[in-house]
PDB file of N, CA and C in Angstrom:
ATOM      1  N   MET A   1     124.598 188.428 258.533  1.00  0.00           N
ATOM      2  CA  MET A   1     124.296 187.862 256.878  1.00  0.00           C
ATOM      3  C   MET A   1     124.975 188.920 256.135  1.00  0.00           C
ATOM      4  N   LEU A   2     126.238 187.870 254.971  1.00  0.00           N
ATOM      5  CA  LEU A   2     127.118 188.512 254.381  1.00  0.00           C
ATOM      6  C   LEU A   2     126.510 188.662 253.074  1.00  0.00           C
ATOM      7  N   ARG A   3     126.970 189.543 252.718  1.00  0.00           N
ATOM      8  CA  ARG A   3     126.858 189.779 251.545  1.00  0.00           C
ATOM      9  C   ARG A   3     128.721 190.047 250.605  1.00  0.00           C
ATOM     10  N   LEU A   4     127.743 189.505 250.142  1.00  0.00           N
ATOM     11  CA  LEU A   4     129.070 189.882 248.527  1.00  0.00           C
ATOM     12  C   LEU A   4     129.342 191.066 246.926  1.00  0.00           C
ATOM     13  N   LYS A   5     130.093 191.852 246.925  1.00  0.00           N
ATOM     14  CA  LYS A   5     129.862 192.299 246.092  1.00  0.00           C
ATOM     15  C   LYS A   5     130.508 192.120 244.486  1.00  0.00           C
ATOM     16  N   LEU A   6     129.946 191.641 243.755  1.00  0.00           N
ATOM     17  CA  LEU A   6     129.684 190.995 243.168  1.00  0.00           C
ATOM     18  C   LEU A   6     130.557 192.400 241.697  1.00  0.00           C
ATOM     19  N   THR A   7     131.719 191.896 241.331  1.00  0.00           N
ATOM     20  CA  THR A   7     132.238 193.010 240.051  1.00  0.00           C
ATOM     21  C   THR A   7     131.951 192.539 238.732  1.00  0.00           C
ATOM     22  N   PRO A   8     131.396 193.141 237.619  1.00  0.00           N
ATOM     23  CA  PRO A   8     130.886 191.891 235.859  1.00  0.00           C
ATOM     24  C   PRO A   8     132.467 192.323 235.374  1.00  0.00           C
ATOM     25  N   VAL A   9     133.402 191.072 235.236  1.00  0.00           N
ATOM     26  CA  VAL A   9     134.299 190.769 235.440  1.00  0.00           C
ATOM     27  C   VAL A   9     134.199 190.892 233.004  1.00  0.00           C
ATOM     28  N   PHE A  10     134.786 190.988 232.365  1.00  0.00           N
ATOM     29  CA  PHE A  10     135.047 191.041 231.073  1.00  0.00           C
ATOM     30  C   PHE A  10     136.106 190.478 230.205  1.00  0.00           C
ATOM     31  N   PHE A  11     136.152 190.220 229.360  1.00  0.00           N
ATOM     32  CA  PHE A  11     137.182 189.181 228.979  1.00  0.00           C
ATOM     33  C   PHE A  11     137.101 189.503 227.232  1.00  0.00           C
ATOM     34  N   VAL A  12     138.144 189.874 227.003  1.00  0.00           N
ATOM     35  CA  VAL A  12     138.368 190.308 225.633  1.00  0.00           C
ATOM     36  C   VAL A  12     139.416 189.163 224.738  1.00  0.00           C
ATOM     37  N   LEU A  13     138.943 188.766 224.058  1.00  0.00           N
ATOM     38  CA  LEU A  13     139.227 188.003 222.674  1.00  0.00           C
ATOM     39  C   LEU A  13     140.159 188.451 221.846  1.00  0.00           C
ATOM     40  N   LEU A  14     141.185 188.054 221.223  1.00  0.00           N
ATOM     41  CA  LEU A  14     142.236 188.888 220.431  1.00  0.00           C
ATOM     42  C   LEU A  14     142.476 188.379 218.567  1.00  0.00           C
ATOM     43  N   LEU A  15     142.101 188.009 218.095  1.00  0.00           N
ATOM     44  CA  LEU A  15     141.867 186.964 217.420  1.00  0.00           C
ATOM     45  C   LEU A  15     142.152 187.816 216.009  1.00  0.00           C
ATOM     46  N   PRO A  16     143.418 186.950 215.415  1.00  0.00           N
ATOM     47  CA  PRO A  16     143.649 188.378 214.299  1.00  0.00           C
ATOM     48  C   PRO A  16     142.748 188.135 213.199  1.00  0.00           C
ATOM     49  N   VAL A  17     143.242 188.760 212.870  1.00  0.00           N
ATOM     50  CA  VAL A  17     141.759 189.222 211.483  1.00  0.00           C
ATOM     51  C   VAL A  17     142.660 189.506 209.898  1.00  0.00           C
ATOM     52  N   SER A  18     142.073 189.389 208.983  1.00  0.00           N
ATOM     53  CA  SER A  18     143.081 189.718 208.166  1.00  0.00           C
ATOM     54  C   SER A  18     142.331 190.422 207.370  1.00  0.00           C
ATOM     55  N   THR A  19     142.971 192.341 207.531  1.00  0.00           N
ATOM     56  CA  THR A  19     142.557 193.460 206.996  1.00  0.00           C
ATOM     57  C   THR A  19     142.961 194.368 205.926  1.00  0.00           C
ATOM     58  N   PHE A  20     143.132 192.975 205.205  1.00  0.00           N
ATOM     59  CA  PHE A  20     144.049 193.149 204.171  1.00  0.00           C
ATOM     60  C   PHE A  20     143.134 193.415 202.984  1.00  0.00           C
ATOM     61  N   ALA A  21     142.918 194.391 201.810  1.00  0.00           N
ATOM     62  CA  ALA A  21     141.780 195.149 200.968  1.00  0.00           C
ATOM     63  C   ALA A  21     141.860 194.714 199.736  1.00  0.00           C
ATOM     64  N   VAL A  22     143.351 193.625 199.504  1.00  0.00           N
ATOM     65  CA  VAL A  22     143.412 192.810 198.804  1.00  0.00           C
ATOM     66  C   VAL A  22     143.770 191.060 198.785  1.00  0.00           C
ATOM     67  N   SER A  23     143.170 190.654 198.163  1.00  0.00           N
ATOM     68  CA  SER A  23     143.857 188.972 198.657  1.00  0.00           C
ATOM     69  C   SER A  23     144.075 188.751 196.975  1.00  0.00           C
ATOM     70  N   LEU A  24     145.712 187.713 197.102  1.00  0.00           N
ATOM     71  CA  LEU A  24     145.698 187.138 196.394  1.00  0.00           C
ATOM     72  C   LEU A  24     144.474 186.635 194.879  1.00  0.00           C
ATOM     73  N   GLU A  25     143.946 186.514 195.301  1.00  0.00           N
ATOM     74  CA  GLU A  25     142.964 185.596 194.974  1.00  0.00           C
ATOM     75  C   GLU A  25     142.779 186.930 193.609  1.00  0.00           C
ATOM     76  N   GLN A  26     142.021 188.034 194.120  1.00  0.00           N
ATOM     77  CA  GLN A  26     142.069 189.466 193.976  1.00  0.00           C
ATOM     78  C   GLN A  26     142.896 189.668 192.278  1.00  0.00           C
ATOM     79  N   ALA A  27     144.584 189.746 193.251  1.00  0.00           N
ATOM     80  CA  ALA A  27     145.527 190.518 192.159  1.00  0.00           C
ATOM     81  C   ALA A  27     146.178 189.528 190.595  1.00  0.00           C
ATOM     82  N   VAL A  28     145.017 188.384 190.778  1.00  0.00           N
ATOM     83  CA  VAL A  28     145.529 187.872 189.874  1.00  0.00           C
ATOM     84  C   VAL A  28     144.139 187.172 189.132  1.00  0.00           C
ATOM     85  N   SER A  29     143.024 188.225 188.794  1.00  0.00           N
ATOM     86  CA  SER A  29     142.180 188.181 188.964  1.00  0.00           C
ATOM     87  C   SER A  29     141.922 187.652 187.588  1.00  0.00           C
ATOM     88  N   GLY A  30     142.943 188.193 186.889  1.00  0.00           N
ATOM     89  CA  GLY A  30     143.005 187.874 185.058  1.00  0.00           C
ATOM     90  C   GLY A  30     143.683 186.696 184.453  1.00  0.00           C
ATOM     91  N   PHE A  31     143.894 185.774 185.222  1.00  0.00           N
ATOM     92  CA  PHE A  31     145.143 184.846 185.085  1.00  0.00           C
ATOM     93  C   PHE A  31     144.752 184.346 184.227  1.00  0.00           C
ATOM     94  N   GLN A  32     143.159 183.707 183.795  1.00  0.00           N
ATOM     95  CA  GLN A  32     142.593 183.423 182.572  1.00  0.00           C
ATOM     96  C   GLN A  32     142.902 183.502 181.628  1.00  0.00           C
ATOM     97  N   ASN A  33     142.913 185.043 180.862  1.00  0.00           N
ATOM     98  CA  ASN A  33     143.283 186.145 180.097  1.00  0.00           C
ATOM     99  C   ASN A  33     144.259 186.879 180.309  1.00  0.00           C
ATOM    100  N   CYS A  34     145.254 186.221 180.894  1.00  0.00           N
ATOM    101  CA  CYS A  34     146.329 186.749 181.377  1.00  0.00           C
ATOM    102  C   CYS A  34     146.490 187.732 181.424  1.00  0.00           C
ATOM    103  N   SER A  35     145.821 188.415 182.142  1.00  0.00           N
ATOM    104  CA  SER A  35     145.687 189.794 182.303  1.00  0.00           C
ATOM    105  C   SER A  35     145.768 190.212 183.864  1.00  0.00           C
ATOM    106  N   PHE A  36     146.760 191.011 183.661  1.00  0.00           N
ATOM    107  CA  PHE A  36     146.932 191.027 185.614  1.00  0.00           C
ATOM    108  C   PHE A  36     147.729 192.606 185.373  1.00  0.00           C
ATOM    109  N   LYS A  37     146.481 192.937 186.113  1.00  0.00           N
ATOM    110  CA  LYS A  37     146.597 194.640 186.086  1.00  0.00           C
ATOM    111  C   LYS A  37     146.762 195.046 187.017  1.00  0.00           C
ATOM    112  N   ALA A  38     148.239 195.730 186.470  1.00  0.00           N
ATOM    113  CA  ALA A  38     149.055 196.502 187.639  1.00  0.00           C
ATOM    114  C   ALA A  38     149.877 195.443 188.786  1.00  0.00           C
ATOM    115  N   PHE A  39     149.950 194.038 188.466  1.00  0.00           N
ATOM    116  CA  PHE A  39     150.700 193.597 189.515  1.00  0.00           C
ATOM    117  C   PHE A  39     151.761 193.219 188.783  1.00  0.00           C
ATOM    118  N   PHE A  40     152.265 194.506 189.782  1.00  0.00           N
ATOM    119  CA  PHE A  40     154.441 194.434 189.461  1.00  0.00           C
ATOM    120  C   PHE A  40     154.180 194.867 190.432  1.00  0.00           C
ATOM    121  N   TYR A  41     156.095 195.232 190.343  1.00  0.00           N
ATOM    122  CA  TYR A  41     156.911 195.960 191.590  1.00  0.00           C
ATOM    123  C   TYR A  41     157.503 196.994 190.879  1.00  0.00           C
ATOM    124  N   ALA A  42     157.704 197.989 190.424  1.00  0.00           N
ATOM    125  CA  ALA A  42     158.537 198.931 190.051  1.00  0.00           C
ATOM    126  C   ALA A  42     159.184 200.290 190.799  1.00  0.00           C
ATOM    127  N   PRO A  43     160.869 199.982 191.704  1.00  0.00           N
ATOM    128  CA  PRO A  43     160.544 200.133 193.006  1.00  0.00           C
ATOM    129  C   PRO A  43     160.982 201.904 192.430  1.00  0.00           C
ATOM    130  N   TRP A  44     161.309 201.942 190.860  1.00  0.00           N
ATOM    131  CA  TRP A  44     161.916 203.299 190.363  1.00  0.00           C
ATOM    132  C   TRP A  44     160.499 204.024 190.057  1.00  0.00           C
ATOM    133  N   ASP A  45     158.993 204.182 190.156  1.00  0.00           N
ATOM    134  CA  ASP A  45     157.694 204.076 190.231  1.00  0.00           C
ATOM    135  C   ASP A  45     157.839 205.122 191.527  1.00  0.00           C
ATOM    136  N   LYS A  46     156.166 206.514 191.382  1.00  0.00           N
ATOM    137  CA  LYS A  46     156.199 206.898 192.554  1.00  0.00           C
ATOM    138  C   LYS A  46     154.979 205.563 193.381  1.00  0.00           C
ATOM    139  N   GLN A  47     154.131 204.869 192.618  1.00  0.00           N
ATOM    140  CA  GLN A  47     153.161 203.995 193.021  1.00  0.00           C
ATOM    141  C   GLN A  47     154.407 202.398 192.433  1.00  0.00           C
ATOM    142  N   PRO A  48     154.750 201.996 193.609  1.00  0.00           N
ATOM    143  CA  PRO A  48     156.251 201.502 193.874  1.00  0.00           C
ATOM    144  C   PRO A  48     155.811 199.117 193.217  1.00  0.00           C
ATOM    145  N   GLU A  49     154.390 199.553 193.662  1.00  0.00           N
ATOM    146  CA  GLU A  49     154.477 198.213 193.661  1.00  0.00           C
ATOM    147  C   GLU A  49     152.119 198.713 194.095  1.00  0.00           C
ATOM    148  N   HIS A  50     152.257 197.014 194.161  1.00  0.00           N
ATOM    149  CA  HIS A  50     150.671 196.774 193.668  1.00  0.00           C
ATOM    150  C   HIS A  50     150.304 196.580 195.946  1.00  0.00           C
ATOM    151  N   PRO A  51     148.336 197.140 195.411  1.00  0.00           N
ATOM    152  CA  PRO A  51     148.852 197.160 196.964  1.00  0.00           C
ATOM    153  C   PRO A  51     148.515 195.623 197.359  1.00  0.00           C
ATOM    154  N   TYR A  52     148.945 194.528 196.957  1.00  0.00           N
ATOM    155  CA  TYR A  52     149.153 193.629 197.578  1.00  0.00           C
ATOM    156  C   TYR A  52     150.393 192.987 197.957  1.00  0.00           C
ATOM    157  N   PHE A  53     151.319 193.862 197.927  1.00  0.00           N
ATOM    158  CA  PHE A  53     152.822 193.653 198.108  1.00  0.00           C
ATOM    159  C   PHE A  53     152.946 194.473 199.623  1.00  0.00           C
ATOM    160  N   SER A  54     152.596 196.707 198.734  1.00  0.00           N
ATOM    161  CA  SER A  54     152.367 197.451 200.198  1.00  0.00           C
ATOM    162  C   SER A  54     151.702 197.274 201.086  1.00  0.00           C
ATOM    163  N   GLU A  55     150.411 196.164 201.690  1.00  0.00           N
ATOM    164  CA  GLU A  55     149.379 196.114 202.920  1.00  0.00           C
ATOM    165  C   GLU A  55     150.082 194.981 203.447  1.00  0.00           C
ATOM    166  N   ARG A  56     151.295 194.094 203.028  1.00  0.00           N
ATOM    167  CA  ARG A  56     151.535 193.114 203.342  1.00  0.00           C
ATOM    168  C   ARG A  56     153.358 193.277 203.963  1.00  0.00           C
ATOM    169  N   ASN A  57     153.923 194.808 203.835  1.00  0.00           N
ATOM    170  CA  ASN A  57     154.833 195.388 203.641  1.00  0.00           C
ATOM    171  C   ASN A  57     156.042 194.109 202.863  1.00  0.00           C
ATOM    172  N   LEU A  58     155.737 193.920 201.858  1.00  0.00           N
ATOM    173  CA  LEU A  58     156.442 192.321 201.339  1.00  0.00           C
ATOM    174  C   LEU A  58     157.267 193.239 200.361  1.00  0.00           C
ATOM    175  N   LYS A  59     158.722 192.453 200.240  1.00  0.00           N
ATOM    176  CA  LYS A  59     160.020 193.374 199.737  1.00  0.00           C
ATOM    177  C   LYS A  59     160.706 192.825 198.797  1.00  0.00           C
ATOM    178  N   PRO A  60     161.154 191.988 198.045  1.00  0.00           N
ATOM    179  CA  PRO A  60     161.221 191.036 196.673  1.00  0.00           C
ATOM    180  C   PRO A  60     163.006 190.606 198.095  1.00  0.00           C
ATOM    181  N   TYR A  61     163.130 189.494 197.692  1.00  0.00           N
ATOM    182  CA  TYR A  61     164.265 189.095 198.384  1.00  0.00           C
ATOM    183  C   TYR A  61     165.020 188.512 197.331  1.00  0.00           C
ATOM    184  N   LYS A  62     164.672 189.203 195.968  1.00  0.00           N
ATOM    185  CA  LYS A  62     165.646 188.421 194.773  1.00  0.00           C
ATOM    186  C   LYS A  62     164.958 189.338 194.123  1.00  0.00           C
ATOM    187  N   GLU A  63     165.941 190.252 193.097  1.00  0.00           N
ATOM    188  CA  GLU A  63     165.790 190.447 191.684  1.00  0.00           C
ATOM    189  C   GLU A  63     166.251 189.996 190.399  1.00  0.00           C
ATOM    190  N   GLU A  64     166.534 189.725 189.788  1.00  0.00           N
ATOM    191  CA  GLU A  64     167.120 188.897 188.386  1.00  0.00           C
ATOM    192  C   GLU A  64     166.221 189.375 187.432  1.00  0.00           C
ATOM    193  N   ASN A  65     166.899 190.002 186.425  1.00  0.00           N
ATOM    194  CA  ASN A  65     166.779 190.608 184.575  1.00  0.00           C
ATOM    195  C   ASN A  65     165.522 191.234 184.566  1.00  0.00           C
ATOM    196  N   GLY A  66     165.534 192.490 185.824  1.00  0.00           N
ATOM    197  CA  GLY A  66     163.901 192.347 185.443  1.00  0.00           C
ATOM    198  C   GLY A  66     162.891 192.102 186.343  1.00  0.00           C
ATOM    199  N   LEU A  67     163.305 190.932 186.840  1.00  0.00           N
ATOM    200  CA  LEU A  67     161.662 189.649 187.095  1.00  0.00           C
ATOM    201  C   LEU A  67     162.097 190.256 189.084  1.00  0.00           C
ATOM    202  N   TYR A  68     160.815 190.438 189.825  1.00  0.00           N
ATOM    203  CA  TYR A  68     161.020 190.287 191.222  1.00  0.00           C
ATOM    204  C   TYR A  68     160.404 188.840 192.238  1.00  0.00           C
ATOM    205  N   PHE A  69     161.309 188.004 192.711  1.00  0.00           N
ATOM    206  CA  PHE A  69     160.941 187.485 193.345  1.00  0.00           C
ATOM    207  C   PHE A  69     160.640 187.497 194.704  1.00  0.00           C
ATOM    208  N   PHE A  70     158.845 187.213 195.354  1.00  0.00           N
ATOM    209  CA  PHE A  70     158.418 187.315 196.910  1.00  0.00           C
ATOM    210  C   PHE A  70     158.307 186.500 197.441  1.00  0.00           C
ATOM    211  N   LYS A  71     158.786 186.101 198.998  1.00  0.00           N
ATOM    212  CA  LYS A  71     158.166 184.534 199.653  1.00  0.00           C
ATOM    213  C   LYS A  71     157.516 185.234 199.798  1.00  0.00           C
ATOM    214  N   VAL A  72     156.443 184.154 200.157  1.00  0.00           N
ATOM    215  CA  VAL A  72     155.083 184.142 200.527  1.00  0.00           C
ATOM    216  C   VAL A  72     153.886 183.186 201.280  1.00  0.00           C
ATOM    217  N   LYS A  73     153.190 183.485 202.418  1.00  0.00           N
ATOM    218  CA  LYS A  73     153.061 181.991 202.593  1.00  0.00           C
ATOM    219  C   LYS A  73     151.481 183.046 202.044  1.00  0.00           C
ATOM    220  N   ASP A  74     150.466 182.078 201.332  1.00  0.00           N
ATOM    221  CA  ASP A  74     149.197 182.824 201.000  1.00  0.00           C
ATOM    222  C   ASP A  74     148.695 181.310 200.401  1.00  0.00           C
ATOM    223  N   VAL A  75     147.487 181.151 199.855  1.00  0.00           N
ATOM    224  CA  VAL A  75     146.602 180.636 199.283  1.00  0.00           C
ATOM    225  C   VAL A  75     145.920 181.321 198.474  1.00  0.00           C
ATOM    226  N   LEU A  76     145.996 180.230 196.935  1.00  0.00           N
ATOM    227  CA  LEU A  76     145.856 180.471 195.639  1.00  0.00           C
ATOM    228  C   LEU A  76     145.204 179.647 195.123  1.00  0.00           C
ATOM    229  N   PHE A  77     143.700 179.361 194.494  1.00  0.00           N
ATOM    230  CA  PHE A  77     142.663 178.233 193.923  1.00  0.00           C
ATOM    231  C   PHE A  77     143.309 177.365 195.008  1.00  0.00           C
ATOM    232  N   GLY A  78     142.926 177.878 196.582  1.00  0.00           N
ATOM    233  CA  GLY A  78     143.078 176.283 196.640  1.00  0.00           C
ATOM    234  C   GLY A  78     144.678 175.622 197.716  1.00  0.00           C
ATOM    235  N   LEU A  79     145.488 176.922 196.945  1.00  0.00           N
ATOM    236  CA  LEU A  79     146.202 175.822 196.976  1.00  0.00           C
ATOM    237  C   LEU A  79     147.613 177.019 197.770  1.00  0.00           C
ATOM    238  N   PRO A  80     148.677 176.031 198.701  1.00  0.00           N
ATOM    239  CA  PRO A  80     149.346 177.184 199.588  1.00  0.00           C
ATOM    240  C   PRO A  80     150.883 177.493 198.772  1.00  0.00           C
ATOM    241  N   VAL A  81     150.583 179.029 198.965  1.00  0.00           N
ATOM    242  CA  VAL A  81     151.739 179.627 197.821  1.00  0.00           C
ATOM    243  C   VAL A  81     152.913 179.500 198.399  1.00  0.00           C
ATOM    244  N   ALA A  82     153.978 179.515 197.901  1.00  0.00           N
ATOM    245  CA  ALA A  82     155.208 179.919 198.653  1.00  0.00           C
ATOM    246  C   ALA A  82     156.374 180.817 198.223  1.00  0.00           C
ATOM    247  N   GLU A  83     155.570 181.104 196.728  1.00  0.00           N
ATOM    248  CA  GLU A  83     156.525 182.225 195.814  1.00  0.00           C
ATOM    249  C   GLU A  83     155.945 182.743 194.608  1.00  0.00           C
ATOM    250  N   ILE A  84     155.910 184.203 194.264  1.00  0.00           N
ATOM    251  CA  ILE A  84     155.397 185.239 193.532  1.00  0.00           C
ATOM    252  C   ILE A  84     156.687 185.380 192.717  1.00  0.00           C
ATOM    253  N   VAL A  85     156.184 185.780 191.635  1.00  0.00           N
ATOM    254  CA  VAL A  85     157.113 186.606 190.674  1.00  0.00           C
ATOM    255  C   VAL A  85     156.623 187.093 189.966  1.00  0.00           C
ATOM    256  N   VAL A  86     156.518 188.798 189.833  1.00  0.00           N
ATOM    257  CA  VAL A  86     156.346 189.275 189.021  1.00  0.00           C
ATOM    258  C   VAL A  86     156.901 190.445 188.330  1.00  0.00           C
ATOM    259  N   PRO A  87     156.789 191.098 187.451  1.00  0.00           N
ATOM    260  CA  PRO A  87     157.543 191.814 186.558  1.00  0.00           C
ATOM    261  C   PRO A  87     157.782 193.390 186.588  1.00  0.00           C
ATOM    262  N   GLY A  88     159.377 192.931 186.671  1.00  0.00           N
ATOM    263  CA  GLY A  88     159.452 195.146 187.112  1.00  0.00           C
ATOM    264  C   GLY A  88     159.027 195.789 185.240  1.00  0.00           C
ATOM    265  N   THR A  89     160.511 194.418 185.031  1.00  0.00           N
ATOM    266  CA  THR A  89     160.529 195.403 183.223  1.00  0.00           C
ATOM    267  C   THR A  89     159.810 194.549 182.114  1.00  0.00           C
ATOM    268  N   TRP A  90     159.283 193.211 182.783  1.00  0.00           N
ATOM    269  CA  TRP A  90     159.215 192.242 182.183  1.00  0.00           C
ATOM    270  C   TRP A  90     157.382 191.881 181.787  1.00  0.00           C
ATOM    271  N   ASP A  91     156.779 190.892 180.897  1.00  0.00           N
ATOM    272  CA  ASP A  91     155.427 190.562 181.319  1.00  0.00           C
ATOM    273  C   ASP A  91     155.600 189.143 181.611  1.00  0.00           C
ATOM    274  N   TYR A  92     156.123 189.378 182.848  1.00  0.00           N
ATOM    275  CA  TYR A  92     156.096 187.615 183.304  1.00  0.00           C
ATOM    276  C   TYR A  92     155.572 187.581 184.980  1.00  0.00           C
ATOM    277  N   HIS A  93     154.903 186.322 185.019  1.00  0.00           N
ATOM    278  CA  HIS A  93     154.593 186.211 186.370  1.00  0.00           C
ATOM    279  C   HIS A  93     154.080 185.263 186.757  1.00  0.00           C
ATOM    280  N   GLY A  94     154.832 184.652 187.807  1.00  0.00           N
ATOM    281  CA  GLY A  94     154.770 183.687 188.414  1.00  0.00           C
ATOM    282  C   GLY A  94     154.214 183.149 189.633  1.00  0.00           C
ATOM    283  N   ILE A  95     153.561 181.813 189.693  1.00  0.00           N
ATOM    284  CA  ILE A  95     153.206 181.609 190.982  1.00  0.00           C
ATOM    285  C   ILE A  95     154.448 180.076 191.201  1.00  0.00           C
ATOM    286  N   VAL A  96     154.194 180.236 193.074  1.00  0.00           N
ATOM    287  CA  VAL A  96     155.394 178.644 193.073  1.00  0.00           C
ATOM    288  C   VAL A  96     154.280 178.260 194.337  1.00  0.00           C
ATOM    289  N   PHE A  97     152.978 176.794 193.758  1.00  0.00           N
ATOM    290  CA  PHE A  97     152.909 176.439 194.876  1.00  0.00           C
ATOM    291  C   PHE A  97     153.543 175.353 195.607  1.00  0.00           C
ATOM    292  N   ASP A  98     152.890 175.381 196.930  1.00  0.00           N
ATOM    293  CA  ASP A  98     153.943 174.443 198.054  1.00  0.00           C
ATOM    294  C   ASP A  98     152.772 173.066 198.041  1.00  0.00           C
ATOM    295  N   VAL A  99     152.894 172.534 196.572  1.00  0.00           N
ATOM    296  CA  VAL A  99     152.875 170.903 197.327  1.00  0.00           C
ATOM    297  C   VAL A  99     152.663 170.197 195.686  1.00  0.00           C
ATOM    298  N   PRO A 100     152.381 168.965 195.766  1.00  0.00           N
ATOM    299  CA  PRO A 100     152.858 167.784 194.733  1.00  0.00           C
ATOM    300  C   PRO A 100     152.513 168.452 193.490  1.00  0.00           C
ATOM    301  N   LEU A 101     152.804 168.248 192.843  1.00  0.00           N
ATOM    302  CA  LEU A 101     152.431 168.489 191.497  1.00  0.00           C
ATOM    303  C   LEU A 101     150.602 167.686 190.807  1.00  0.00           C
ATOM    304  N   GLU A 102     150.223 166.277 191.303  1.00  0.00           N
ATOM    305  CA  GLU A 102     149.624 165.914 191.589  1.00  0.00           C
ATOM    306  C   GLU A 102     147.881 166.177 192.090  1.00  0.00           C
ATOM    307  N   LYS A 103     148.768 167.389 193.067  1.00  0.00           N
ATOM    308  CA  LYS A 103     147.231 167.837 194.357  1.00  0.00           C
ATOM    309  C   LYS A 103     147.690 169.106 193.286  1.00  0.00           C
ATOM    310  N   ALA A 104     148.442 170.118 192.958  1.00  0.00           N
ATOM    311  CA  ALA A 104     147.552 171.312 192.312  1.00  0.00           C
ATOM    312  C   ALA A 104     147.118 170.691 190.521  1.00  0.00           C
ATOM    313  N   ARG A 105     147.646 169.761 190.067  1.00  0.00           N
ATOM    314  CA  ARG A 105     147.122 169.232 189.117  1.00  0.00           C
ATOM    315  C   ARG A 105     145.467 168.316 188.886  1.00  0.00           C
ATOM    316  N   ALA A 106     145.424 168.195 190.208  1.00  0.00           N
ATOM    317  CA  ALA A 106     143.488 167.722 190.708  1.00  0.00           C
ATOM    318  C   ALA A 106     142.815 169.154 190.990  1.00  0.00           C
ATOM    319  N   ALA A 107     143.995 169.911 191.669  1.00  0.00           N
ATOM    320  CA  ALA A 107     143.117 171.135 192.148  1.00  0.00           C
ATOM    321  C   ALA A 107     142.710 172.022 190.376  1.00  0.00           C
ATOM    322  N   PHE A 108     143.502 172.323 189.662  1.00  0.00           N
ATOM    323  CA  PHE A 108     143.380 173.323 188.625  1.00  0.00           C
ATOM    324  C   PHE A 108     142.319 172.339 187.923  1.00  0.00           C
ATOM    325  N   LYS A 109     142.522 171.306 187.887  1.00  0.00           N
ATOM    326  CA  LYS A 109     141.202 170.697 187.644  1.00  0.00           C
ATOM    327  C   LYS A 109     139.646 170.773 187.776  1.00  0.00           C
ATOM    328  N   GLN A 110     139.663 170.703 188.959  1.00  0.00           N
ATOM    329  CA  GLN A 110     138.452 171.071 189.475  1.00  0.00           C
ATOM    330  C   GLN A 110     137.992 172.647 189.324  1.00  0.00           C
ATOM    331  N   ARG A 111     139.142 173.571 189.363  1.00  0.00           N
ATOM    332  CA  ARG A 111     138.061 174.682 189.194  1.00  0.00           C
ATOM    333  C   ARG A 111     138.612 175.459 187.506  1.00  0.00           C
ATOM    334  N   PHE A 112     139.522 175.172 187.155  1.00  0.00           N
ATOM    335  CA  PHE A 112     139.096 175.436 185.595  1.00  0.00           C
ATOM    336  C   PHE A 112     138.437 174.817 184.477  1.00  0.00           C
ATOM    337  N   GLY A 113     138.758 173.238 184.787  1.00  0.00           N
ATOM    338  CA  GLY A 113     137.915 172.292 184.056  1.00  0.00           C
ATOM    339  C   GLY A 113     139.230 171.380 183.508  1.00  0.00           C
ATOM    340  N   SER A 114     141.036 171.310 183.433  1.00  0.00           N
ATOM    341  CA  SER A 114     141.770 170.886 182.816  1.00  0.00           C
ATOM    342  C   SER A 114     142.782 170.763 183.707  1.00  0.00           C
ATOM    343  N   PRO A 115     143.020 170.125 183.783  1.00  0.00           N
ATOM    344  CA  PRO A 115     144.747 169.903 184.305  1.00  0.00           C
ATOM    345  C   PRO A 115     145.885 170.799 184.068  1.00  0.00           C
ATOM    346  N   LEU A 116     147.236 170.569 184.763  1.00  0.00           N
ATOM    347  CA  LEU A 116     148.034 170.887 184.473  1.00  0.00           C
ATOM    348  C   LEU A 116     148.696 170.183 184.066  1.00  0.00           C
ATOM    349  N   HIS A 117     149.546 169.922 182.539  1.00  0.00           N
ATOM    350  CA  HIS A 117     150.023 169.006 182.541  1.00  0.00           C
ATOM    351  C   HIS A 117     151.616 168.866 182.598  1.00  0.00           C
ATOM    352  N   GLN A 118     152.183 167.827 182.339  1.00  0.00           N
ATOM    353  CA  GLN A 118     153.711 168.149 183.004  1.00  0.00           C
ATOM    354  C   GLN A 118     154.504 168.760 181.850  1.00  0.00           C
ATOM    355  N   LYS A 119     154.013 168.340 180.999  1.00  0.00           N
ATOM    356  CA  LYS A 119     154.983 169.052 180.074  1.00  0.00           C
ATOM    357  C   LYS A 119     154.909 170.812 179.541  1.00  0.00           C
ATOM    358  N   ARG A 120     153.956 171.130 180.063  1.00  0.00           N
ATOM    359  CA  ARG A 120     153.186 172.488 179.567  1.00  0.00           C
ATOM    360  C   ARG A 120     152.821 173.124 181.183  1.00  0.00           C
ATOM    361  N   ALA A 121     153.515 173.065 181.947  1.00  0.00           N
ATOM    362  CA  ALA A 121     153.136 173.777 183.529  1.00  0.00           C
ATOM    363  C   ALA A 121     153.084 175.049 183.466  1.00  0.00           C
ATOM    364  N   VAL A 122     153.698 175.506 183.156  1.00  0.00           N
ATOM    365  CA  VAL A 122     153.306 177.084 182.317  1.00  0.00           C
ATOM    366  C   VAL A 122     152.472 177.344 181.509  1.00  0.00           C
ATOM    367  N   ARG A 123     152.109 177.929 182.005  1.00  0.00           N
ATOM    368  CA  ARG A 123     150.833 178.520 180.376  1.00  0.00           C
ATOM    369  C   ARG A 123     151.817 179.865 180.313  1.00  0.00           C
ATOM    370  N   ARG A 124     151.350 179.609 179.403  1.00  0.00           N
ATOM    371  CA  ARG A 124     152.219 180.749 178.391  1.00  0.00           C
ATOM    372  C   ARG A 124     150.950 181.361 178.171  1.00  0.00           C
ATOM    373  N   CYS A 125     151.192 183.075 177.702  1.00  0.00           N
ATOM    374  CA  CYS A 125     150.023 183.929 177.424  1.00  0.00           C
ATOM    375  C   CYS A 125     150.868 184.902 176.252  1.00  0.00           C
ATOM    376  N   SER A 126     149.875 185.201 175.336  1.00  0.00           N
ATOM    377  CA  SER A 126     150.192 185.762 174.070  1.00  0.00           C
ATOM    378  C   SER A 126     149.610 186.488 173.354  1.00  0.00           C
TER     379      SER A 126
END
């Protein structure tokens, strides 16, 4: 009689898991009230950057007049984001969505109840 010895085999499937504590949506959660709590970049400070940047090891690719430009691949309001602009010394925040304007308008209308208008694609906070 032939006896086979069975050895259990285990397979481990490794999947990338997001371990980031702060999402872009959380970082700009005060968007409608123009409140961006500590969402800035200040290389001269002891805590130079928001956790969104440090968790992803993001560094600006450009600094211009106190604004810091970051290339990203993220999603905000269901739209892909290609670039984020945050202040060092200014009070300005910018998000560059990587979609046609009409798609962005539809997403904003669904989310906020009004679309972006062509002449006023930039929302100014006062």
